[in-house]
Amino acid sequence: MQTFHRFNIVVFCCLFFGQPVASQQFSVLTCSRGDEIYSTFGHSAIRYKDSMQNIDWVYNYGLFDFQDPNFIPKFCMGKLDYMVGKETMNDFMGQYVYQQREVKEQVLNLQPSQRDSLLSFLEWNILDENKYYRYDFLFNNCATKIIDVIEQNCKGVQMKFYEEEDKKTFREHIHSNAENSVPFIDWGMDMALGMPVDKKSTAREYCFLPEFVAKSMALCQNNGQALVSKEYVLVPETPRIRSSWAWLWSPRTFGFIIFIIMIYIIYKPQAWSNLFYGLFFLLLGIGGLVIGFEWFFTEHSVTKNNLNLLWLNPLFIFYSYAIFTKKDWRWMKRIVQISLCLALIAAIFKVQDVHSATRSLIFAAFIMNSLITNKETIN
């Protein structure tokens, strides 16, 4: 706290004994989504500009240390820390200009005391001992931090959050952003996320996405006046031209191909049928190990209560062994049958919303198991 107070004194002197306050402004930057996984949901940041002192900084809460040797384990365990850093506006804008992603700026109508408080906090926050925060994809990310920082350090600001008439779930919001840009990662996320993301989001919770931070900022008030005084488009977005053949490389197509292969085997049994069945259930079992690990052994709140564990079941690894070795484990067949029946019922009645490719694979697995059981594929 002593460091925090020192920054208060420094900023106070700078503001009131240095250049006129009118030269200073804060704004919220909103960057459109990109085509990579780290950029597919867009980005938000805070800009501080002092034209008299030729200062133009961006406070960025979306930084992480990718060189950390434990980066992947920390991410998987839900223990990944992000950090806030300060960079020049030119450095920040470089990637968005290069990628031709839209950047919008909303200039904030703040009083001198509010600017003083906000700048003091941000300068304190970027110190090495204060810059890290525990990242949470839905509840504590680069976008939600913008709301929290402004709300907590600008007394008099009345937050108002944008509401859609037809409220969506977290899962629907994730699909709307990732389905076209990173379809297989979107599918993987869908399988890893459990029932908590199927609840309707509140207006504030929408702000895990930068676009809703911007929409909410436009509605906020500051002591009876609009919080946003001006809006600019700093970088216009260049429309992305997507191939008309993109649908061929999609989870839906993959699920459909698996289903077609299964139908083909039904009508024309092949010598490699058992190999196909065994590999299929082996992969489902390995997927179940991942889903089970994320549910029971990590700190992720949104991977709990995941009904995908019914069809991505670790026990299927043993079932694949029985198929490969042609062992008649009837008790295992029964477990698989019950598990897949429950998964099929949950998918049909949307107990947990699942991807269309997932429904295809559940149905395919159910029919495969029926073939193995009824036609005595395992001798």
Protein backbone atom coordinates (compact mmCIF):
# COMPACT_ATOMS: atom_id res chain seq x y z
CA MET A 1 0.00 0.00 0.00
CA GLN A 2 2.95 2.38 0.58
CA THR A 3 3.86 2.02 -3.07
CA PHE A 4 0.26 2.77 -4.03
CA HIS A 5 0.31 6.00 -1.98
CA ARG A 6 3.62 7.07 -3.56
CA PHE A 7 2.01 6.73 -6.97
CA ASN A 8 -0.93 8.81 -5.80
CA ILE A 9 1.45 11.61 -4.81
CA VAL A 10 3.36 11.41 -8.09
CA VAL A 11 0.21 11.45 -10.20
CA PHE A 12 -1.27 14.28 -8.12
CA CYS A 13 1.79 16.44 -8.68
CA CYS A 14 1.82 15.60 -12.36
CA LEU A 15 -1.84 16.45 -12.81
CA PHE A 16 -2.13 19.58 -10.74
CA PHE A 17 1.34 21.13 -10.87
CA GLY A 18 2.27 20.04 -14.36
CA GLN A 19 0.23 20.09 -17.54
CA PRO A 20 -3.44 21.08 -17.69
CA VAL A 21 -5.87 18.29 -16.92
CA ALA A 22 -7.75 19.02 -20.15
CA SER A 23 -4.87 17.50 -22.10
CA GLN A 24 -5.48 14.11 -20.52
CA GLN A 25 -8.04 11.49 -21.43
CA PHE A 26 -8.85 7.86 -20.86
CA SER A 27 -10.57 5.65 -23.39
CA VAL A 28 -11.60 2.04 -23.84
CA LEU A 29 -10.25 0.21 -26.87
CA THR A 30 -12.24 -2.67 -28.36
CA CYS A 31 -10.59 -4.90 -30.94
CA SER A 32 -12.56 -7.23 -33.19
CA ARG A 33 -12.01 -10.97 -33.27
CA GLY A 34 -9.24 -12.64 -35.21
CA ASP A 35 -8.73 -16.03 -36.79
CA GLU A 36 -6.37 -17.49 -34.16
CA ILE A 37 -7.53 -19.15 -30.94
CA TYR A 38 -6.02 -16.43 -28.73
CA SER A 39 -7.80 -13.71 -30.71
CA THR A 40 -11.08 -15.35 -31.67
CA PHE A 41 -13.06 -13.53 -28.95
CA GLY A 42 -11.57 -10.08 -29.54
CA HIS A 43 -9.76 -7.90 -27.02
CA SER A 44 -10.25 -4.90 -24.73
CA ALA A 45 -7.75 -2.45 -23.23
CA ILE A 46 -7.53 0.98 -21.56
CA ARG A 47 -5.77 3.87 -23.28
CA TYR A 48 -4.32 6.89 -21.45
CA LYS A 49 -3.30 9.88 -23.51
CA ASP A 50 -1.71 13.17 -22.44
CA SER A 51 -1.18 15.35 -25.49
CA MET A 52 0.80 18.00 -23.57
CA GLN A 53 3.36 15.51 -22.33
CA ASN A 54 3.30 13.44 -25.53
CA ILE A 55 2.19 10.36 -23.59
CA ASP A 56 0.11 7.65 -25.24
CA TRP A 57 -0.05 4.43 -23.23
CA VAL A 58 -2.20 1.33 -23.37
CA TYR A 59 -2.86 -0.74 -20.24
CA ASN A 60 -3.34 -4.28 -21.45
CA TYR A 61 -4.81 -7.01 -19.19
CA GLY A 62 -4.43 -9.70 -21.86
CA LEU A 63 -0.73 -10.49 -21.41
CA PHE A 64 0.70 -13.87 -20.43
CA ASP A 65 4.10 -15.50 -20.39
CA PHE A 66 4.02 -18.09 -23.16
CA GLN A 67 7.67 -18.91 -22.42
CA ASP A 68 6.71 -20.26 -19.01
CA PRO A 69 7.71 -23.96 -19.14
CA ASN A 70 4.57 -24.78 -17.14
CA PHE A 71 2.25 -22.75 -19.37
CA ILE A 72 0.27 -25.71 -20.73
CA PRO A 73 -0.06 -27.54 -17.36
CA LYS A 74 -1.16 -24.32 -15.64
CA PHE A 75 -3.72 -23.64 -18.36
CA CYS A 76 -5.12 -27.17 -18.15
CA MET A 77 -5.27 -27.02 -14.34
CA GLY A 78 -7.02 -23.64 -14.28
CA LYS A 79 -4.03 -22.08 -12.52
CA LEU A 80 -2.80 -19.81 -15.30
CA ASP A 81 -2.00 -16.24 -14.30
CA TYR A 82 -2.41 -13.41 -16.77
CA MET A 83 -0.88 -9.99 -16.18
CA VAL A 84 -1.42 -6.34 -16.94
CA GLY A 85 1.28 -4.39 -18.73
CA LYS A 86 1.83 -0.96 -20.21
CA GLU A 87 2.88 -0.40 -23.81
CA THR A 88 2.83 2.46 -26.27
CA MET A 89 -0.23 2.93 -28.42
CA ASN A 90 1.85 2.39 -31.57
CA ASP A 91 3.12 -0.97 -30.32
CA PHE A 92 -0.36 -2.05 -29.28
CA MET A 93 -1.91 -1.11 -32.61
CA GLY A 94 0.72 -2.80 -34.75
CA GLN A 95 -0.86 -6.26 -34.85
CA TYR A 96 -4.36 -4.94 -35.47
CA VAL A 97 -3.24 -2.77 -38.38
CA TYR A 98 -1.29 -5.71 -39.82
CA GLN A 99 -4.21 -8.14 -39.37
CA GLN A 100 -6.74 -5.51 -40.50
CA ARG A 101 -8.89 -6.08 -37.43
CA GLU A 102 -11.23 -3.30 -36.39
CA VAL A 103 -10.24 -1.17 -33.39
CA LYS A 104 -12.84 1.13 -31.81
CA GLU A 105 -12.08 3.81 -29.27
CA GLN A 106 -14.57 5.16 -26.71
CA VAL A 107 -13.33 8.32 -25.01
CA LEU A 108 -14.45 8.43 -21.38
CA ASN A 109 -15.98 11.55 -19.87
CA LEU A 110 -14.16 11.50 -16.53
CA GLN A 111 -13.68 14.22 -13.94
CA PRO A 112 -10.11 15.18 -12.88
CA SER A 113 -10.38 13.27 -9.59
CA GLN A 114 -11.58 10.17 -11.44
CA ARG A 115 -8.70 10.37 -13.92
CA ASP A 116 -6.29 10.83 -11.04
CA SER A 117 -7.66 7.77 -9.22
CA LEU A 118 -7.71 5.60 -12.34
CA LEU A 119 -4.17 6.53 -13.40
CA SER A 120 -2.85 5.95 -9.89
CA PHE A 121 -4.38 2.49 -9.76
CA LEU A 122 -3.16 1.48 -13.20
CA GLU A 123 0.41 2.59 -12.45
CA TRP A 124 0.28 0.66 -9.17
CA ASN A 125 -1.26 -2.35 -10.90
CA ILE A 126 1.56 -2.73 -13.47
CA LEU A 127 4.23 -3.11 -10.79
CA ASP A 128 5.82 -6.56 -10.76
CA GLU A 129 4.32 -7.45 -7.38
CA ASN A 130 0.80 -6.41 -8.45
CA LYS A 131 0.48 -7.18 -12.16
CA TYR A 132 -0.59 -10.85 -12.02
CA TYR A 133 -4.17 -12.04 -11.71
CA ARG A 134 -5.75 -15.48 -11.85
CA TYR A 135 -7.26 -15.82 -15.31
CA ASP A 136 -10.77 -17.18 -15.75
CA PHE A 137 -12.09 -17.44 -19.29
CA LEU A 138 -15.62 -16.34 -18.38
CA PHE A 139 -15.34 -14.31 -15.19
CA ASN A 140 -11.88 -12.73 -14.98
CA ASN A 141 -10.32 -11.91 -18.34
CA CYS A 142 -9.04 -8.93 -20.33
CA ALA A 143 -12.59 -7.70 -20.94
CA THR A 144 -14.12 -8.14 -17.48
CA LYS A 145 -11.08 -6.42 -15.94
CA ILE A 146 -11.93 -3.23 -17.85
CA ILE A 147 -15.36 -3.09 -16.21
CA ASP A 148 -13.95 -3.88 -12.76
CA VAL A 149 -11.13 -1.32 -12.92
CA ILE A 150 -13.34 1.56 -14.07
CA GLU A 151 -16.13 0.71 -11.64
CA GLN A 152 -13.81 0.44 -8.64
CA ASN A 153 -11.65 3.50 -9.34
CA CYS A 154 -14.03 6.06 -10.81
CA LYS A 155 -16.50 6.95 -8.06
CA GLY A 156 -19.70 8.39 -9.49
CA VAL A 157 -19.79 6.13 -12.54
CA GLN A 158 -23.07 4.24 -12.76
CA MET A 159 -22.58 1.01 -14.67
CA LYS A 160 -25.35 -0.10 -16.99
CA PHE A 161 -25.03 -3.31 -18.95
CA TYR A 162 -26.29 -4.05 -22.43
CA GLU A 163 -29.08 -6.62 -22.52
CA GLU A 164 -30.26 -8.66 -25.47
CA GLU A 165 -33.95 -9.37 -25.88
CA ASP A 166 -33.21 -13.02 -26.50
CA LYS A 167 -30.70 -13.88 -23.80
CA LYS A 168 -28.05 -16.40 -24.73
CA THR A 169 -26.08 -18.92 -22.72
CA PHE A 170 -22.31 -18.77 -22.36
CA ARG A 171 -22.08 -21.73 -24.73
CA GLU A 172 -24.09 -19.92 -27.41
CA HIS A 173 -21.87 -16.86 -27.09
CA ILE A 174 -18.76 -19.01 -27.43
CA HIS A 175 -20.15 -20.69 -30.56
CA SER A 176 -21.06 -17.36 -32.14
CA ASN A 177 -17.42 -16.23 -31.85
CA ALA A 178 -15.41 -19.40 -32.43
CA GLU A 179 -17.51 -21.64 -34.67
CA ASN A 180 -16.41 -20.07 -37.95
CA SER A 181 -12.86 -19.01 -37.10
CA VAL A 182 -11.59 -22.07 -35.22
CA PRO A 183 -14.27 -24.76 -35.74
CA PHE A 184 -12.42 -27.76 -34.28
CA ILE A 185 -11.21 -25.81 -31.24
CA ASP A 186 -14.78 -24.58 -30.80
CA TRP A 187 -15.91 -28.22 -30.83
CA GLY A 188 -13.19 -29.19 -28.38
CA MET A 189 -14.23 -26.40 -26.03
CA ASP A 190 -17.85 -27.47 -26.34
CA MET A 191 -16.96 -31.00 -25.23
CA ALA A 192 -14.78 -29.78 -22.36
CA LEU A 193 -17.36 -27.34 -20.94
CA GLY A 194 -20.03 -28.69 -18.64
CA MET A 195 -23.54 -27.72 -17.64
CA PRO A 196 -22.52 -24.41 -15.92
CA VAL A 197 -22.15 -22.74 -19.33
CA ASP A 198 -25.69 -23.67 -20.36
CA LYS A 199 -27.33 -21.18 -18.03
CA LYS A 200 -28.51 -17.87 -19.45
CA SER A 201 -25.90 -15.16 -19.00
CA THR A 202 -26.74 -12.02 -17.06
CA ALA A 203 -26.15 -8.67 -18.74
CA ARG A 204 -22.97 -8.17 -16.72
CA GLU A 205 -21.74 -11.67 -17.53
CA TYR A 206 -22.03 -10.84 -21.24
CA CYS A 207 -18.98 -8.66 -20.66
CA PHE A 208 -16.64 -11.63 -20.81
CA LEU A 209 -16.74 -10.69 -24.51
CA PRO A 210 -15.13 -7.36 -25.50
CA GLU A 211 -17.96 -6.42 -27.86
CA PHE A 212 -20.36 -6.32 -24.90
CA VAL A 213 -17.94 -4.23 -22.85
CA ALA A 214 -18.14 -1.62 -25.60
CA LYS A 215 -21.93 -1.83 -25.80
CA SER A 216 -22.21 -1.49 -22.04
CA MET A 217 -19.78 1.44 -21.86
CA ALA A 218 -22.02 3.32 -24.29
CA LEU A 219 -24.91 3.00 -21.80
CA CYS A 220 -23.06 3.98 -18.62
CA GLN A 221 -23.51 7.28 -16.83
CA ASN A 222 -21.09 9.47 -14.90
CA ASN A 223 -22.79 11.79 -12.43
CA GLY A 224 -25.79 12.19 -14.70
CA GLN A 225 -23.87 12.46 -17.98
CA ALA A 226 -22.94 9.89 -20.57
CA LEU A 227 -19.72 8.11 -19.65
CA VAL A 228 -18.63 7.89 -23.28
CA SER A 229 -18.18 11.33 -24.81
CA LYS A 230 -16.85 10.31 -28.25
CA GLU A 231 -16.39 7.19 -30.32
CA TYR A 232 -13.93 6.59 -33.13
CA VAL A 233 -13.00 3.77 -35.45
CA LEU A 234 -9.20 3.77 -35.41
CA VAL A 235 -8.80 0.78 -37.72
CA PRO A 236 -11.63 -0.22 -40.07
CA GLU A 237 -12.16 -3.94 -40.39
CA THR A 238 -11.43 -5.60 -43.69
CA PRO A 239 -14.08 -8.25 -44.45
CA ARG A 240 -12.61 -11.73 -44.44
CA ILE A 241 -13.25 -13.83 -47.52
CA ARG A 242 -13.91 -17.39 -46.50
CA SER A 243 -13.66 -20.29 -48.87
CA SER A 244 -16.95 -21.74 -50.06
CA TRP A 245 -15.36 -25.15 -49.34
CA ALA A 246 -14.69 -24.38 -45.67
CA TRP A 247 -17.57 -26.64 -44.64
CA LEU A 248 -15.51 -29.65 -45.78
CA TRP A 249 -13.09 -29.01 -42.91
CA SER A 250 -15.54 -28.84 -40.04
CA PRO A 251 -16.64 -30.96 -37.06
CA ARG A 252 -20.05 -31.52 -38.64
CA THR A 253 -18.45 -33.02 -41.74
CA PHE A 254 -16.17 -35.17 -39.59
CA GLY A 255 -19.12 -36.50 -37.58
CA PHE A 256 -21.06 -37.16 -40.77
CA ILE A 257 -18.14 -39.10 -42.30
CA ILE A 258 -17.88 -41.33 -39.22
CA PHE A 259 -21.60 -41.98 -39.41
CA ILE A 260 -21.40 -42.85 -43.13
CA ILE A 261 -18.53 -45.29 -42.52
CA MET A 262 -20.59 -46.97 -39.83
CA ILE A 263 -23.60 -47.29 -42.17
CA TYR A 264 -21.34 -48.73 -44.87
CA ILE A 265 -20.03 -51.36 -42.44
CA ILE A 266 -23.59 -52.32 -41.49
CA TYR A 267 -24.54 -53.15 -45.07
CA LYS A 268 -21.11 -54.41 -46.17
CA PRO A 269 -19.19 -55.87 -43.23
CA GLN A 270 -15.45 -55.58 -43.74
CA ALA A 271 -12.44 -57.44 -42.41
CA TRP A 272 -11.32 -54.20 -40.80
CA SER A 273 -14.65 -53.57 -39.03
CA ASN A 274 -13.35 -54.66 -35.61
CA LEU A 275 -10.26 -52.49 -36.04
CA PHE A 276 -12.48 -49.50 -36.80
CA TYR A 277 -14.74 -50.20 -33.81
CA GLY A 278 -11.80 -50.72 -31.49
CA LEU A 279 -10.01 -47.54 -32.54
CA PHE A 280 -13.23 -45.57 -32.31
CA PHE A 281 -13.97 -46.61 -28.72
CA LEU A 282 -10.31 -46.23 -27.77
CA LEU A 283 -10.38 -42.59 -28.88
CA LEU A 284 -13.64 -42.02 -26.99
CA GLY A 285 -12.03 -43.50 -23.87
CA ILE A 286 -8.95 -41.28 -24.17
CA GLY A 287 -11.26 -38.28 -24.61
CA GLY A 288 -13.01 -39.39 -21.42
CA LEU A 289 -9.72 -39.26 -19.52
CA VAL A 290 -9.32 -35.62 -20.56
CA ILE A 291 -12.93 -34.71 -19.70
CA GLY A 292 -12.74 -36.51 -16.36
CA PHE A 293 -9.46 -34.84 -15.48
CA GLU A 294 -10.86 -31.38 -16.26
CA TRP A 295 -13.95 -32.09 -14.13
CA PHE A 296 -12.41 -33.65 -11.03
CA PHE A 297 -8.78 -32.51 -10.86
CA THR A 298 -8.64 -28.87 -12.00
CA GLU A 299 -9.79 -25.51 -10.67
CA HIS A 300 -11.90 -24.71 -13.76
CA SER A 301 -15.45 -24.00 -12.60
CA VAL A 302 -17.01 -24.40 -16.06
CA THR A 303 -15.73 -27.94 -16.71
CA LYS A 304 -17.72 -29.45 -13.84
CA ASN A 305 -20.92 -31.50 -14.23
CA ASN A 306 -20.07 -32.44 -17.80
CA LEU A 307 -22.45 -35.02 -19.25
CA ASN A 308 -20.10 -35.58 -22.17
CA LEU A 309 -18.41 -38.00 -19.78
CA LEU A 310 -21.24 -40.43 -20.60
CA TRP A 311 -20.07 -40.95 -24.19
CA LEU A 312 -16.46 -39.90 -23.70
CA ASN A 313 -16.06 -42.55 -21.04
CA PRO A 314 -12.65 -43.75 -19.77
CA LEU A 315 -14.12 -47.26 -19.40
CA PHE A 316 -14.35 -47.43 -23.18
CA ILE A 317 -10.59 -48.01 -23.23
CA PHE A 318 -11.23 -51.43 -21.70
CA TYR A 319 -14.07 -51.97 -24.17
CA SER A 320 -11.70 -51.29 -27.08
CA TYR A 321 -9.31 -53.88 -25.62
CA ALA A 322 -12.17 -56.40 -25.57
CA ILE A 323 -12.93 -55.61 -29.21
CA PHE A 324 -9.32 -55.97 -30.33
CA THR A 325 -8.85 -59.25 -28.44
CA LYS A 326 -12.37 -60.56 -29.25
CA LYS A 327 -13.22 -61.14 -25.60
CA ASP A 328 -16.88 -61.54 -24.71
CA TRP A 329 -17.10 -59.15 -21.77
CA ARG A 330 -20.87 -58.94 -21.50
CA TRP A 331 -20.72 -56.81 -18.35
CA MET A 332 -18.66 -54.27 -20.26
CA LYS A 333 -21.12 -54.29 -23.15
CA ARG A 334 -23.92 -53.56 -20.71
CA ILE A 335 -22.02 -50.65 -19.13
CA VAL A 336 -21.33 -49.19 -22.56
CA GLN A 337 -24.95 -49.65 -23.59
CA ILE A 338 -26.29 -47.88 -20.50
CA SER A 339 -23.76 -45.07 -20.79
CA LEU A 340 -24.54 -44.41 -24.45
CA CYS A 341 -28.30 -44.62 -23.85
CA LEU A 342 -28.02 -41.95 -21.17
CA ALA A 343 -25.82 -39.81 -23.43
CA LEU A 344 -28.32 -40.12 -26.27
CA ILE A 345 -31.23 -39.16 -24.01
CA ALA A 346 -29.30 -36.17 -22.61
CA ALA A 347 -28.46 -34.98 -26.14
CA ILE A 348 -32.00 -35.41 -27.51
CA PHE A 349 -33.66 -33.62 -24.59
CA LYS A 350 -30.85 -31.07 -24.27
CA VAL A 351 -30.17 -31.78 -20.62
CA GLN A 352 -26.79 -30.39 -21.62
CA ASP A 353 -26.48 -28.64 -24.96
CA VAL A 354 -24.05 -30.41 -27.29
CA HIS A 355 -22.48 -29.70 -30.65
CA SER A 356 -24.14 -31.17 -33.74
CA ALA A 357 -20.97 -33.20 -34.45
CA THR A 358 -21.20 -34.61 -30.94
CA ARG A 359 -24.77 -35.82 -31.55
CA SER A 360 -23.58 -37.63 -34.70
CA LEU A 361 -20.82 -39.42 -32.81
CA ILE A 362 -23.08 -40.39 -29.89
CA PHE A 363 -25.59 -41.88 -32.30
CA ALA A 364 -22.82 -43.65 -34.24
CA ALA A 365 -21.34 -45.09 -31.03
CA PHE A 366 -24.78 -46.28 -29.91
CA ILE A 367 -25.38 -48.13 -33.20
CA MET A 368 -21.85 -49.59 -33.21
CA ASN A 369 -22.33 -50.98 -29.74
CA SER A 370 -25.67 -52.46 -30.79
CA LEU A 371 -24.00 -54.17 -33.75
CA ILE A 372 -21.25 -55.56 -31.54
CA THR A 373 -23.77 -56.85 -29.00
CA ASN A 374 -26.53 -58.15 -31.24
CA LYS A 375 -24.49 -59.55 -34.11
CA GLU A 376 -21.79 -60.95 -31.85
CA THR A 377 -19.01 -59.01 -33.51
CA ILE A 378 -16.89 -60.06 -30.55
CA ASN A 379 -16.64 -63.84 -30.61
